[in-house]
Amino acid sequence: MVTDRNTRQYQVEIEGITEPATFSRLPEALSALWAALRVLPLGWTQYEAYRYFFGEGSAERVKTFLDRDGQLSLSFQLEGRAHAVHVRPV
């Protein structure tokens, strides 16, 4: 839900792992998402890629994707199953 023209809320989710959660600030949303991702048994390459997108200092990078594409969706394999990671303004 957009509370005014300059303030957005952000929803993050890891399909099949976490329920959607909504935050009023993008850095907080990304921090929560990274906290959930970094404890998963990801391989080194996946871990580093997700740290780049959702770790410390990532808000500007993600905001660029959101401004351009409307959302950021990535995926990874875990135990033979695909999981999508979503960041969306709501």
PDB file of N, CA and C in Angstrom:
ATOM      1  N   MET A   1       0.841  -1.171   0.000  1.00  0.00           N
ATOM      2  CA  MET A   1       0.000   0.000   0.000  1.00  0.00           C
ATOM      3  C   MET A   1       0.891   1.239   0.000  1.00  0.00           C
ATOM      4  N   VAL A   2       0.609   2.192  -0.852  1.00  0.00           N
ATOM      5  CA  VAL A   2       1.357   3.436  -0.905  1.00  0.00           C
ATOM      6  C   VAL A   2       0.692   4.398   0.058  1.00  0.00           C
ATOM      7  N   THR A   3       1.462   4.938   0.997  1.00  0.00           N
ATOM      8  CA  THR A   3       0.876   5.818   1.993  1.00  0.00           C
ATOM      9  C   THR A   3       0.829   7.256   1.519  1.00  0.00           C
ATOM     10  N   ASP A   4       1.749   7.669   0.677  1.00  0.00           N
ATOM     11  CA  ASP A   4       1.680   8.938  -0.025  1.00  0.00           C
ATOM     12  C   ASP A   4       2.579   8.837  -1.240  1.00  0.00           C
ATOM     13  N   ARG A   5       2.688   9.897  -2.007  1.00  0.00           N
ATOM     14  CA  ARG A   5       3.419   9.819  -3.270  1.00  0.00           C
ATOM     15  C   ARG A   5       4.901   9.564  -3.083  1.00  0.00           C
ATOM     16  N   ASN A   6       5.468   9.924  -1.946  1.00  0.00           N
ATOM     17  CA  ASN A   6       6.905   9.780  -1.728  1.00  0.00           C
ATOM     18  C   ASN A   6       7.276   8.649  -0.778  1.00  0.00           C
ATOM     19  N   THR A   7       6.288   8.009  -0.172  1.00  0.00           N
ATOM     20  CA  THR A   7       6.560   6.951   0.790  1.00  0.00           C
ATOM     21  C   THR A   7       5.962   5.650   0.291  1.00  0.00           C
ATOM     22  N   ARG A   8       6.804   4.665   0.160  1.00  0.00           N
ATOM     23  CA  ARG A   8       6.352   3.349  -0.262  1.00  0.00           C
ATOM     24  C   ARG A   8       6.543   2.369   0.873  1.00  0.00           C
ATOM     25  N   GLN A   9       5.811   1.285   0.781  1.00  0.00           N
ATOM     26  CA  GLN A   9       6.082   0.134   1.614  1.00  0.00           C
ATOM     27  C   GLN A   9       6.627  -0.944   0.691  1.00  0.00           C
ATOM     28  N   TYR A  10       7.372  -1.874   1.260  1.00  0.00           N
ATOM     29  CA  TYR A  10       8.035  -2.901   0.467  1.00  0.00           C
ATOM     30  C   TYR A  10       7.703  -4.269   1.029  1.00  0.00           C
ATOM     31  N   GLN A  11       7.365  -5.166   0.119  1.00  0.00           N
ATOM     32  CA  GLN A  11       7.066  -6.541   0.503  1.00  0.00           C
ATOM     33  C   GLN A  11       8.191  -7.445   0.008  1.00  0.00           C
ATOM     34  N   VAL A  12       8.644  -8.319   0.890  1.00  0.00           N
ATOM     35  CA  VAL A  12       9.686  -9.291   0.536  1.00  0.00           C
ATOM     36  C   VAL A  12       9.171 -10.689   0.855  1.00  0.00           C
ATOM     37  N   GLU A  13       9.672 -11.659   0.079  1.00  0.00           N
ATOM     38  CA  GLU A  13       9.219 -13.032   0.260  1.00  0.00           C
ATOM     39  C   GLU A  13      10.231 -13.982  -0.364  1.00  0.00           C
ATOM     40  N   ILE A  14      10.407 -15.137   0.249  1.00  0.00           N
ATOM     41  CA  ILE A  14      11.122 -16.260  -0.357  1.00  0.00           C
ATOM     42  C   ILE A  14      10.078 -17.352  -0.506  1.00  0.00           C
ATOM     43  N   GLU A  15       9.632 -17.574  -1.740  1.00  0.00           N
ATOM     44  CA  GLU A  15       8.558 -18.534  -1.983  1.00  0.00           C
ATOM     45  C   GLU A  15       8.912 -19.913  -1.443  1.00  0.00           C
ATOM     46  N   GLY A  16       7.975 -20.472  -0.692  1.00  0.00           N
ATOM     47  CA  GLY A  16       8.155 -21.795  -0.127  1.00  0.00           C
ATOM     48  C   GLY A  16       8.997 -21.826   1.137  1.00  0.00           C
ATOM     49  N   ILE A  17       9.516 -20.667   1.551  1.00  0.00           N
ATOM     50  CA  ILE A  17      10.364 -20.623   2.748  1.00  0.00           C
ATOM     51  C   ILE A  17       9.852 -19.604   3.755  1.00  0.00           C
ATOM     52  N   THR A  18       9.556 -18.378   3.308  1.00  0.00           N
ATOM     53  CA  THR A  18       9.030 -17.352   4.206  1.00  0.00           C
ATOM     54  C   THR A  18       7.706 -16.822   3.672  1.00  0.00           C
ATOM     55  N   GLU A  19       6.885 -16.362   4.561  1.00  0.00           N
ATOM     56  CA  GLU A  19       5.651 -15.685   4.177  1.00  0.00           C
ATOM     57  C   GLU A  19       5.999 -14.265   3.733  1.00  0.00           C
ATOM     58  N   PRO A  20       5.170 -13.649   2.905  1.00  0.00           N
ATOM     59  CA  PRO A  20       5.412 -12.248   2.546  1.00  0.00           C
ATOM     60  C   PRO A  20       5.407 -11.378   3.806  1.00  0.00           C
ATOM     61  N   ALA A  21       6.340 -10.438   3.852  1.00  0.00           N
ATOM     62  CA  ALA A  21       6.417  -9.492   4.969  1.00  0.00           C
ATOM     63  C   ALA A  21       6.537  -8.090   4.389  1.00  0.00           C
ATOM     64  N   THR A  22       5.890  -7.125   5.018  1.00  0.00           N
ATOM     65  CA  THR A  22       5.865  -5.750   4.526  1.00  0.00           C
ATOM     66  C   THR A  22       6.603  -4.840   5.490  1.00  0.00           C
ATOM     67  N   PHE A  23       7.411  -3.944   4.913  1.00  0.00           N
ATOM     68  CA  PHE A  23       8.230  -3.009   5.678  1.00  0.00           C
ATOM     69  C   PHE A  23       8.028  -1.603   5.134  1.00  0.00           C
ATOM     70  N   SER A  24       8.186  -0.621   5.985  1.00  0.00           N
ATOM     71  CA  SER A  24       8.019   0.768   5.554  1.00  0.00           C
ATOM     72  C   SER A  24       9.288   1.353   4.952  1.00  0.00           C
ATOM     73  N   ARG A  25      10.421   0.690   5.156  1.00  0.00           N
ATOM     74  CA  ARG A  25      11.693   1.180   4.604  1.00  0.00           C
ATOM     75  C   ARG A  25      12.394   0.048   3.863  1.00  0.00           C
ATOM     76  N   LEU A  26      12.935   0.380   2.692  1.00  0.00           N
ATOM     77  CA  LEU A  26      13.609  -0.624   1.876  1.00  0.00           C
ATOM     78  C   LEU A  26      14.810  -1.246   2.588  1.00  0.00           C
ATOM     79  N   PRO A  27      15.697  -0.474   3.246  1.00  0.00           N
ATOM     80  CA  PRO A  27      16.831  -1.111   3.925  1.00  0.00           C
ATOM     81  C   PRO A  27      16.399  -2.156   4.956  1.00  0.00           C
ATOM     82  N   GLU A  28      15.324  -1.894   5.684  1.00  0.00           N
ATOM     83  CA  GLU A  28      14.831  -2.867   6.669  1.00  0.00           C
ATOM     84  C   GLU A  28      14.287  -4.110   5.979  1.00  0.00           C
ATOM     85  N   ALA A  29      13.597  -3.923   4.871  1.00  0.00           N
ATOM     86  CA  ALA A  29      13.060  -5.062   4.120  1.00  0.00           C
ATOM     87  C   ALA A  29      14.194  -5.948   3.618  1.00  0.00           C
ATOM     88  N   LEU A  30      15.233  -5.322   3.070  1.00  0.00           N
ATOM     89  CA  LEU A  30      16.357  -6.084   2.534  1.00  0.00           C
ATOM     90  C   LEU A  30      17.150  -6.765   3.643  1.00  0.00           C
ATOM     91  N   SER A  31      17.277  -6.112   4.772  1.00  0.00           N
ATOM     92  CA  SER A  31      17.972  -6.705   5.909  1.00  0.00           C
ATOM     93  C   SER A  31      17.250  -7.968   6.389  1.00  0.00           C
ATOM     94  N   ALA A  32      15.930  -7.907   6.473  1.00  0.00           N
ATOM     95  CA  ALA A  32      15.150  -9.079   6.893  1.00  0.00           C
ATOM     96  C   ALA A  32      15.275 -10.204   5.868  1.00  0.00           C
ATOM     97  N   LEU A  33      15.255  -9.843   4.599  1.00  0.00           N
ATOM     98  CA  LEU A  33      15.389 -10.847   3.554  1.00  0.00           C
ATOM     99  C   LEU A  33      16.764 -11.500   3.606  1.00  0.00           C
ATOM    100  N   TRP A  34      17.801 -10.710   3.768  1.00  0.00           N
ATOM    101  CA  TRP A  34      19.160 -11.250   3.858  1.00  0.00           C
ATOM    102  C   TRP A  34      19.319 -12.131   5.093  1.00  0.00           C
ATOM    103  N   ALA A  35      18.707 -11.747   6.207  1.00  0.00           N
ATOM    104  CA  ALA A  35      18.783 -12.568   7.424  1.00  0.00           C
ATOM    105  C   ALA A  35      18.194 -13.958   7.177  1.00  0.00           C
ATOM    106  N   ALA A  36      17.121 -14.024   6.408  1.00  0.00           N
ATOM    107  CA  ALA A  36      16.520 -15.326   6.099  1.00  0.00           C
ATOM    108  C   ALA A  36      17.354 -16.106   5.093  1.00  0.00           C
ATOM    109  N   LEU A  37      17.907 -15.423   4.102  1.00  0.00           N
ATOM    110  CA  LEU A  37      18.681 -16.108   3.055  1.00  0.00           C
ATOM    111  C   LEU A  37      20.030 -16.615   3.543  1.00  0.00           C
ATOM    112  N   ARG A  38      20.705 -15.835   4.349  1.00  0.00           N
ATOM    113  CA  ARG A  38      22.092 -16.183   4.685  1.00  0.00           C
ATOM    114  C   ARG A  38      22.229 -17.437   5.542  1.00  0.00           C
ATOM    115  N   VAL A  39      21.141 -17.890   6.160  1.00  0.00           N
ATOM    116  CA  VAL A  39      21.209 -19.109   6.963  1.00  0.00           C
ATOM    117  C   VAL A  39      20.848 -20.359   6.156  1.00  0.00           C
ATOM    118  N   LEU A  40      20.433 -20.168   4.918  1.00  0.00           N
ATOM    119  CA  LEU A  40      20.102 -21.311   4.068  1.00  0.00           C
ATOM    120  C   LEU A  40      21.386 -21.960   3.553  1.00  0.00           C
ATOM    121  N   PRO A  41      21.340 -23.243   3.252  1.00  0.00           N
ATOM    122  CA  PRO A  41      22.537 -23.925   2.748  1.00  0.00           C
ATOM    123  C   PRO A  41      22.765 -23.643   1.252  1.00  0.00           C
ATOM    124  N   LEU A  42      23.028 -22.383   0.946  1.00  0.00           N
ATOM    125  CA  LEU A  42      23.307 -21.977  -0.427  1.00  0.00           C
ATOM    126  C   LEU A  42      24.760 -22.284  -0.748  1.00  0.00           C
ATOM    127  N   GLY A  43      25.044 -22.516  -1.993  1.00  0.00           N
ATOM    128  CA  GLY A  43      26.439 -22.646  -2.409  1.00  0.00           C
ATOM    129  C   GLY A  43      27.125 -21.282  -2.347  1.00  0.00           C
ATOM    130  N   TRP A  44      28.442 -21.297  -2.451  1.00  0.00           N
ATOM    131  CA  TRP A  44      29.213 -20.057  -2.326  1.00  0.00           C
ATOM    132  C   TRP A  44      28.771 -19.008  -3.337  1.00  0.00           C
ATOM    133  N   THR A  45      28.583 -19.396  -4.588  1.00  0.00           N
ATOM    134  CA  THR A  45      28.205 -18.432  -5.629  1.00  0.00           C
ATOM    135  C   THR A  45      26.840 -17.825  -5.340  1.00  0.00           C
ATOM    136  N   GLN A  46      25.877 -18.652  -4.962  1.00  0.00           N
ATOM    137  CA  GLN A  46      24.555 -18.115  -4.622  1.00  0.00           C
ATOM    138  C   GLN A  46      24.629 -17.203  -3.403  1.00  0.00           C
ATOM    139  N   TYR A  47      25.365 -17.638  -2.400  1.00  0.00           N
ATOM    140  CA  TYR A  47      25.500 -16.834  -1.184  1.00  0.00           C
ATOM    141  C   TYR A  47      26.042 -15.447  -1.516  1.00  0.00           C
ATOM    142  N   GLU A  48      27.122 -15.402  -2.286  1.00  0.00           N
ATOM    143  CA  GLU A  48      27.735 -14.116  -2.637  1.00  0.00           C
ATOM    144  C   GLU A  48      26.813 -13.263  -3.498  1.00  0.00           C
ATOM    145  N   ALA A  49      26.079 -13.868  -4.417  1.00  0.00           N
ATOM    146  CA  ALA A  49      25.148 -13.117  -5.256  1.00  0.00           C
ATOM    147  C   ALA A  49      24.034 -12.505  -4.411  1.00  0.00           C
ATOM    148  N   TYR A  50      23.475 -13.275  -3.505  1.00  0.00           N
ATOM    149  CA  TYR A  50      22.408 -12.744  -2.664  1.00  0.00           C
ATOM    150  C   TYR A  50      22.939 -11.720  -1.655  1.00  0.00           C
ATOM    151  N   ARG A  51      24.158 -11.899  -1.204  1.00  0.00           N
ATOM    152  CA  ARG A  51      24.753 -10.885  -0.322  1.00  0.00           C
ATOM    153  C   ARG A  51      24.895  -9.562  -1.063  1.00  0.00           C
ATOM    154  N   TYR A  52      25.278  -9.622  -2.331  1.00  0.00           N
ATOM    155  CA  TYR A  52      25.394  -8.414  -3.154  1.00  0.00           C
ATOM    156  C   TYR A  52      24.036  -7.725  -3.280  1.00  0.00           C
ATOM    157  N   PHE A  53      22.987  -8.494  -3.549  1.00  0.00           N
ATOM    158  CA  PHE A  53      21.670  -7.898  -3.750  1.00  0.00           C
ATOM    159  C   PHE A  53      20.990  -7.467  -2.459  1.00  0.00           C
ATOM    160  N   PHE A  54      21.200  -8.202  -1.372  1.00  0.00           N
ATOM    161  CA  PHE A  54      20.416  -7.936  -0.176  1.00  0.00           C
ATOM    162  C   PHE A  54      21.226  -7.622   1.073  1.00  0.00           C
ATOM    163  N   GLY A  55      22.541  -7.688   1.016  1.00  0.00           N
ATOM    164  CA  GLY A  55      23.383  -7.403   2.169  1.00  0.00           C
ATOM    165  C   GLY A  55      23.561  -5.908   2.390  1.00  0.00           C
ATOM    166  N   GLU A  56      24.459  -5.594   3.270  1.00  0.00           N
ATOM    167  CA  GLU A  56      24.726  -4.210   3.641  1.00  0.00           C
ATOM    168  C   GLU A  56      24.989  -3.338   2.414  1.00  0.00           C
ATOM    169  N   GLY A  57      24.364  -2.164   2.387  1.00  0.00           N
ATOM    170  CA  GLY A  57      24.578  -1.209   1.312  1.00  0.00           C
ATOM    171  C   GLY A  57      23.852  -1.520   0.013  1.00  0.00           C
ATOM    172  N   SER A  58      22.896  -2.424   0.046  1.00  0.00           N
ATOM    173  CA  SER A  58      22.245  -2.857  -1.195  1.00  0.00           C
ATOM    174  C   SER A  58      21.012  -2.042  -1.582  1.00  0.00           C
ATOM    175  N   ALA A  59      20.541  -1.171  -0.719  1.00  0.00           N
ATOM    176  CA  ALA A  59      19.276  -0.471  -0.967  1.00  0.00           C
ATOM    177  C   ALA A  59      19.294   0.323  -2.268  1.00  0.00           C
ATOM    178  N   GLU A  60      20.366   1.012  -2.566  1.00  0.00           N
ATOM    179  CA  GLU A  60      20.421   1.803  -3.803  1.00  0.00           C
ATOM    180  C   GLU A  60      20.389   0.907  -5.034  1.00  0.00           C
ATOM    181  N   ARG A  61      21.117  -0.220  -4.985  1.00  0.00           N
ATOM    182  CA  ARG A  61      21.090  -1.146  -6.121  1.00  0.00           C
ATOM    183  C   ARG A  61      19.683  -1.685  -6.348  1.00  0.00           C
ATOM    184  N   VAL A  62      19.041  -2.116  -5.288  1.00  0.00           N
ATOM    185  CA  VAL A  62      17.702  -2.682  -5.411  1.00  0.00           C
ATOM    186  C   VAL A  62      16.707  -1.609  -5.839  1.00  0.00           C
ATOM    187  N   LYS A  63      16.840  -0.409  -5.311  1.00  0.00           N
ATOM    188  CA  LYS A  63      15.937   0.678  -5.701  1.00  0.00           C
ATOM    189  C   LYS A  63      16.025   0.944  -7.197  1.00  0.00           C
ATOM    190  N   THR A  64      17.218   0.832  -7.779  1.00  0.00           N
ATOM    191  CA  THR A  64      17.386   1.010  -9.219  1.00  0.00           C
ATOM    192  C   THR A  64      16.567  -0.029  -9.978  1.00  0.00           C
ATOM    193  N   PHE A  65      16.616  -1.288  -9.545  1.00  0.00           N
ATOM    194  CA  PHE A  65      15.816  -2.335 -10.178  1.00  0.00           C
ATOM    195  C   PHE A  65      14.321  -2.055 -10.014  1.00  0.00           C
ATOM    196  N   LEU A  66      13.907  -1.652  -8.817  1.00  0.00           N
ATOM    197  CA  LEU A  66      12.493  -1.392  -8.572  1.00  0.00           C
ATOM    198  C   LEU A  66      11.988  -0.234  -9.417  1.00  0.00           C
ATOM    199  N   ASP A  67      12.780   0.826  -9.518  1.00  0.00           N
ATOM    200  CA  ASP A  67      12.383   1.977 -10.329  1.00  0.00           C
ATOM    201  C   ASP A  67      12.266   1.605 -11.799  1.00  0.00           C
ATOM    202  N   ARG A  68      13.170   0.767 -12.260  1.00  0.00           N
ATOM    203  CA  ARG A  68      13.191   0.394 -13.672  1.00  0.00           C
ATOM    204  C   ARG A  68      12.163  -0.689 -14.009  1.00  0.00           C
ATOM    205  N   ASP A  69      12.103  -1.745 -13.181  1.00  0.00           N
ATOM    206  CA  ASP A  69      11.306  -2.922 -13.527  1.00  0.00           C
ATOM    207  C   ASP A  69      10.030  -3.093 -12.699  1.00  0.00           C
ATOM    208  N   GLY A  70       9.872  -2.321 -11.645  1.00  0.00           N
ATOM    209  CA  GLY A  70       8.685  -2.435 -10.808  1.00  0.00           C
ATOM    210  C   GLY A  70       8.802  -3.446  -9.683  1.00  0.00           C
ATOM    211  N   GLN A  71       9.696  -4.429  -9.831  1.00  0.00           N
ATOM    212  CA  GLN A  71       9.957  -5.419  -8.784  1.00  0.00           C
ATOM    213  C   GLN A  71      11.292  -6.077  -9.070  1.00  0.00           C
ATOM    214  N   LEU A  72      11.808  -6.785  -8.092  1.00  0.00           N
ATOM    215  CA  LEU A  72      13.024  -7.575  -8.267  1.00  0.00           C
ATOM    216  C   LEU A  72      12.682  -9.006  -7.899  1.00  0.00           C
ATOM    217  N   SER A  73      12.883  -9.914  -8.834  1.00  0.00           N
ATOM    218  CA  SER A  73      12.637 -11.331  -8.591  1.00  0.00           C
ATOM    219  C   SER A  73      13.866 -12.121  -9.026  1.00  0.00           C
ATOM    220  N   LEU A  74      14.349 -12.956  -8.128  1.00  0.00           N
ATOM    221  CA  LEU A  74      15.486 -13.829  -8.384  1.00  0.00           C
ATOM    222  C   LEU A  74      15.083 -15.230  -7.949  1.00  0.00           C
ATOM    223  N   SER A  75      15.844 -16.230  -8.371  1.00  0.00           N
ATOM    224  CA  SER A  75      15.513 -17.579  -7.936  1.00  0.00           C
ATOM    225  C   SER A  75      16.779 -18.367  -7.628  1.00  0.00           C
ATOM    226  N   PHE A  76      16.594 -19.448  -6.867  1.00  0.00           N
ATOM    227  CA  PHE A  76      17.700 -20.342  -6.543  1.00  0.00           C
ATOM    228  C   PHE A  76      17.152 -21.748  -6.354  1.00  0.00           C
ATOM    229  N   GLN A  77      18.037 -22.714  -6.439  1.00  0.00           N
ATOM    230  CA  GLN A  77      17.695 -24.119  -6.216  1.00  0.00           C
ATOM    231  C   GLN A  77      18.139 -24.511  -4.811  1.00  0.00           C
ATOM    232  N   LEU A  78      17.264 -25.200  -4.116  1.00  0.00           N
ATOM    233  CA  LEU A  78      17.585 -25.698  -2.795  1.00  0.00           C
ATOM    234  C   LEU A  78      16.921 -27.056  -2.652  1.00  0.00           C
ATOM    235  N   GLU A  79      17.747 -28.076  -2.437  1.00  0.00           N
ATOM    236  CA  GLU A  79      17.255 -29.440  -2.281  1.00  0.00           C
ATOM    237  C   GLU A  79      16.358 -29.855  -3.450  1.00  0.00           C
ATOM    238  N   GLY A  80      16.788 -29.500  -4.665  1.00  0.00           N
ATOM    239  CA  GLY A  80      16.084 -29.899  -5.870  1.00  0.00           C
ATOM    240  C   GLY A  80      14.823 -29.124  -6.189  1.00  0.00           C
ATOM    241  N   ARG A  81      14.575 -28.059  -5.464  1.00  0.00           N
ATOM    242  CA  ARG A  81      13.364 -27.272  -5.681  1.00  0.00           C
ATOM    243  C   ARG A  81      13.729 -25.815  -5.931  1.00  0.00           C
ATOM    244  N   ALA A  82      13.063 -25.199  -6.894  1.00  0.00           N
ATOM    245  CA  ALA A  82      13.284 -23.783  -7.188  1.00  0.00           C
ATOM    246  C   ALA A  82      12.494 -22.923  -6.205  1.00  0.00           C
ATOM    247  N   HIS A  83      13.120 -21.844  -5.752  1.00  0.00           N
ATOM    248  CA  HIS A  83      12.486 -20.870  -4.868  1.00  0.00           C
ATOM    249  C   HIS A  83      12.711 -19.484  -5.462  1.00  0.00           C
ATOM    250  N   ALA A  84      11.664 -18.703  -5.554  1.00  0.00           N
ATOM    251  CA  ALA A  84      11.766 -17.324  -6.038  1.00  0.00           C
ATOM    252  C   ALA A  84      11.883 -16.387  -4.843  1.00  0.00           C
ATOM    253  N   VAL A  85      12.702 -15.370  -5.017  1.00  0.00           N
ATOM    254  CA  VAL A  85      12.868 -14.315  -4.014  1.00  0.00           C
ATOM    255  C   VAL A  85      12.294 -13.043  -4.634  1.00  0.00           C
ATOM    256  N   HIS A  86      11.367 -12.405  -3.932  1.00  0.00           N
ATOM    257  CA  HIS A  86      10.695 -11.214  -4.471  1.00  0.00           C
ATOM    258  C   HIS A  86      10.884 -10.005  -3.561  1.00  0.00           C
ATOM    259  N   VAL A  87      11.089  -8.857  -4.191  1.00  0.00           N
ATOM    260  CA  VAL A  87      11.037  -7.562  -3.518  1.00  0.00           C
ATOM    261  C   VAL A  87      10.116  -6.711  -4.373  1.00  0.00           C
ATOM    262  N   ARG A  88       9.053  -6.203  -3.743  1.00  0.00           N
ATOM    263  CA  ARG A  88       8.060  -5.414  -4.478  1.00  0.00           C
ATOM    264  C   ARG A  88       7.628  -4.205  -3.657  1.00  0.00           C
ATOM    265  N   PRO A  89       7.459  -3.071  -4.318  1.00  0.00           N
ATOM    266  CA  PRO A  89       6.761  -1.976  -3.626  1.00  0.00           C
ATOM    267  C   PRO A  89       5.271  -2.304  -3.600  1.00  0.00           C
ATOM    268  N   VAL A  90       4.635  -1.990  -2.500  1.00  0.00           N
ATOM    269  CA  VAL A  90       3.184  -2.248  -2.387  1.00  0.00           C
ATOM    270  C   VAL A  90       2.460  -0.984  -1.975  1.00  0.00           C
TER     271      VAL A  90
END
